[in-house]
Amino acid sequence: MSAYRYEQKKSVVVATTQTMADAEVIKATLAAYGFDCWIGPRSPYPSIDFVEGLAISVVGANEAAVRALLTKLGLGGDEPK
């Protein structure tokens, strides 16, 4: 398993958006602050992606810092589970 795939498996969803444009804004913002993230479907069922939205995930070790940043910048974010 590649290191990239391993990091994705240990990732945590920090935000959900309804559009790819919003997800890309959050991704670019996180990149500007030095955080890598992944955008993916929230649901394993493609037919309901439009309902559940797109998930923005980060490595678990960065979760607290990213959540604090998203809150500070007013970009929302999902509640921790």
C-alpha atoms as a PDB file:
ATOM      1  CA  MET A   1       0.000   0.000   0.000  1.00  0.00           C
ATOM      2  CA  SER A   2       1.398   3.397  -0.942  1.00  0.00           C
ATOM      3  CA  ALA A   3       1.983   6.062   1.684  1.00  0.00           C
ATOM      4  CA  TYR A   4      -0.665   8.247   0.012  1.00  0.00           C
ATOM      5  CA  ARG A   5      -3.309   5.512   0.194  1.00  0.00           C
ATOM      6  CA  TYR A   6      -2.311   4.760   3.815  1.00  0.00           C
ATOM      7  CA  GLU A   7      -2.824   8.423   4.773  1.00  0.00           C
ATOM      8  CA  GLN A   8      -6.238   8.438   3.124  1.00  0.00           C
ATOM      9  CA  LYS A   9      -7.282   5.398   5.174  1.00  0.00           C
ATOM     10  CA  LYS A  10      -6.347   7.251   8.360  1.00  0.00           C
ATOM     11  CA  SER A  11      -8.140  10.422   7.294  1.00  0.00           C
ATOM     12  CA  VAL A  12     -10.984  12.248   9.040  1.00  0.00           C
ATOM     13  CA  VAL A  13     -13.818  14.209   7.408  1.00  0.00           C
ATOM     14  CA  VAL A  14     -13.631  17.826   8.585  1.00  0.00           C
ATOM     15  CA  ALA A  15     -16.158  19.467   6.262  1.00  0.00           C
ATOM     16  CA  THR A  16     -18.953  18.641   3.840  1.00  0.00           C
ATOM     17  CA  THR A  17     -20.041  20.815   0.934  1.00  0.00           C
ATOM     18  CA  GLN A  18     -22.815  20.552  -1.622  1.00  0.00           C
ATOM     19  CA  THR A  19     -20.769  21.730  -4.617  1.00  0.00           C
ATOM     20  CA  MET A  20     -17.363  20.941  -6.048  1.00  0.00           C
ATOM     21  CA  ALA A  21     -16.640  24.684  -6.245  1.00  0.00           C
ATOM     22  CA  ASP A  22     -17.064  25.059  -2.471  1.00  0.00           C
ATOM     23  CA  ALA A  23     -14.929  21.968  -1.877  1.00  0.00           C
ATOM     24  CA  GLU A  24     -12.175  23.373  -4.105  1.00  0.00           C
ATOM     25  CA  VAL A  25     -12.218  26.683  -2.187  1.00  0.00           C
ATOM     26  CA  ILE A  26     -11.704  24.825   1.087  1.00  0.00           C
ATOM     27  CA  LYS A  27      -8.995  22.635  -0.473  1.00  0.00           C
ATOM     28  CA  ALA A  28      -7.131  25.683  -1.815  1.00  0.00           C
ATOM     29  CA  THR A  29      -7.440  27.453   1.538  1.00  0.00           C
ATOM     30  CA  LEU A  30      -6.084  24.454   3.428  1.00  0.00           C
ATOM     31  CA  ALA A  31      -3.235  24.133   0.919  1.00  0.00           C
ATOM     32  CA  ALA A  32      -2.358  27.810   1.460  1.00  0.00           C
ATOM     33  CA  TYR A  33      -2.023  27.056   5.174  1.00  0.00           C
ATOM     34  CA  GLY A  34       0.092  23.949   4.533  1.00  0.00           C
ATOM     35  CA  PHE A  35      -2.518  21.206   4.964  1.00  0.00           C
ATOM     36  CA  ASP A  36      -3.146  18.417   2.469  1.00  0.00           C
ATOM     37  CA  CYS A  37      -6.718  17.259   2.012  1.00  0.00           C
ATOM     38  CA  TRP A  38      -8.839  14.956  -0.132  1.00  0.00           C
ATOM     39  CA  ILE A  39     -12.207  15.586  -1.707  1.00  0.00           C
ATOM     40  CA  GLY A  40     -14.467  12.599  -2.122  1.00  0.00           C
ATOM     41  CA  PRO A  41     -18.052  11.471  -2.019  1.00  0.00           C
ATOM     42  CA  ARG A  42     -19.668  11.376   1.402  1.00  0.00           C
ATOM     43  CA  SER A  43     -21.689   8.293   0.507  1.00  0.00           C
ATOM     44  CA  PRO A  44     -20.627   4.976  -1.011  1.00  0.00           C
ATOM     45  CA  TYR A  45     -23.768   5.172  -3.169  1.00  0.00           C
ATOM     46  CA  PRO A  46     -23.247   7.498  -6.160  1.00  0.00           C
ATOM     47  CA  SER A  47     -26.964   8.087  -6.605  1.00  0.00           C
ATOM     48  CA  ILE A  48     -27.212  10.017  -3.319  1.00  0.00           C
ATOM     49  CA  ASP A  49     -24.003  12.061  -3.527  1.00  0.00           C
ATOM     50  CA  PHE A  50     -26.045  15.167  -4.315  1.00  0.00           C
ATOM     51  CA  VAL A  51     -27.897  14.753  -1.013  1.00  0.00           C
ATOM     52  CA  GLU A  52     -24.974  13.959   1.258  1.00  0.00           C
ATOM     53  CA  GLY A  53     -22.492  16.230  -0.501  1.00  0.00           C
ATOM     54  CA  LEU A  54     -18.740  16.031  -0.883  1.00  0.00           C
ATOM     55  CA  ALA A  55     -16.442  15.254   2.025  1.00  0.00           C
ATOM     56  CA  ILE A  56     -13.198  17.120   2.665  1.00  0.00           C
ATOM     57  CA  SER A  57     -10.844  14.875   4.607  1.00  0.00           C
ATOM     58  CA  VAL A  58      -7.463  15.443   6.253  1.00  0.00           C
ATOM     59  CA  VAL A  59      -4.939  13.245   8.020  1.00  0.00           C
ATOM     60  CA  GLY A  60      -6.170  12.529  11.547  1.00  0.00           C
ATOM     61  CA  ALA A  61      -3.142  14.203  13.133  1.00  0.00           C
ATOM     62  CA  ASN A  62      -4.174  17.532  11.549  1.00  0.00           C
ATOM     63  CA  GLU A  63      -7.847  17.324  12.481  1.00  0.00           C
ATOM     64  CA  ALA A  64      -7.878  19.752  15.421  1.00  0.00           C
ATOM     65  CA  ALA A  65      -5.777  22.385  13.664  1.00  0.00           C
ATOM     66  CA  VAL A  66      -7.856  22.210  10.471  1.00  0.00           C
ATOM     67  CA  ARG A  67     -11.164  22.406  12.351  1.00  0.00           C
ATOM     68  CA  ALA A  68      -9.900  25.455  14.265  1.00  0.00           C
ATOM     69  CA  LEU A  69      -8.738  27.085  11.015  1.00  0.00           C
ATOM     70  CA  LEU A  70     -12.038  26.451   9.213  1.00  0.00           C
ATOM     71  CA  THR A  71     -13.962  27.882  12.155  1.00  0.00           C
ATOM     72  CA  LYS A  72     -11.682  30.929  12.386  1.00  0.00           C
ATOM     73  CA  LEU A  73     -12.059  31.629   8.662  1.00  0.00           C
ATOM     74  CA  GLY A  74     -15.822  31.092   8.715  1.00  0.00           C
ATOM     75  CA  LEU A  75     -15.700  28.209   6.254  1.00  0.00           C
ATOM     76  CA  GLY A  76     -17.796  25.965   8.458  1.00  0.00           C
ATOM     77  CA  GLY A  77     -16.850  22.406   9.021  1.00  0.00           C
ATOM     78  CA  ASP A  78     -18.522  19.307  10.334  1.00  0.00           C
ATOM     79  CA  GLU A  79     -18.780  18.488  14.002  1.00  0.00           C
ATOM     80  CA  PRO A  80     -16.318  15.823  15.180  1.00  0.00           C
ATOM     81  CA  LYS A  81     -17.795  12.361  15.515  1.00  0.00           C
END
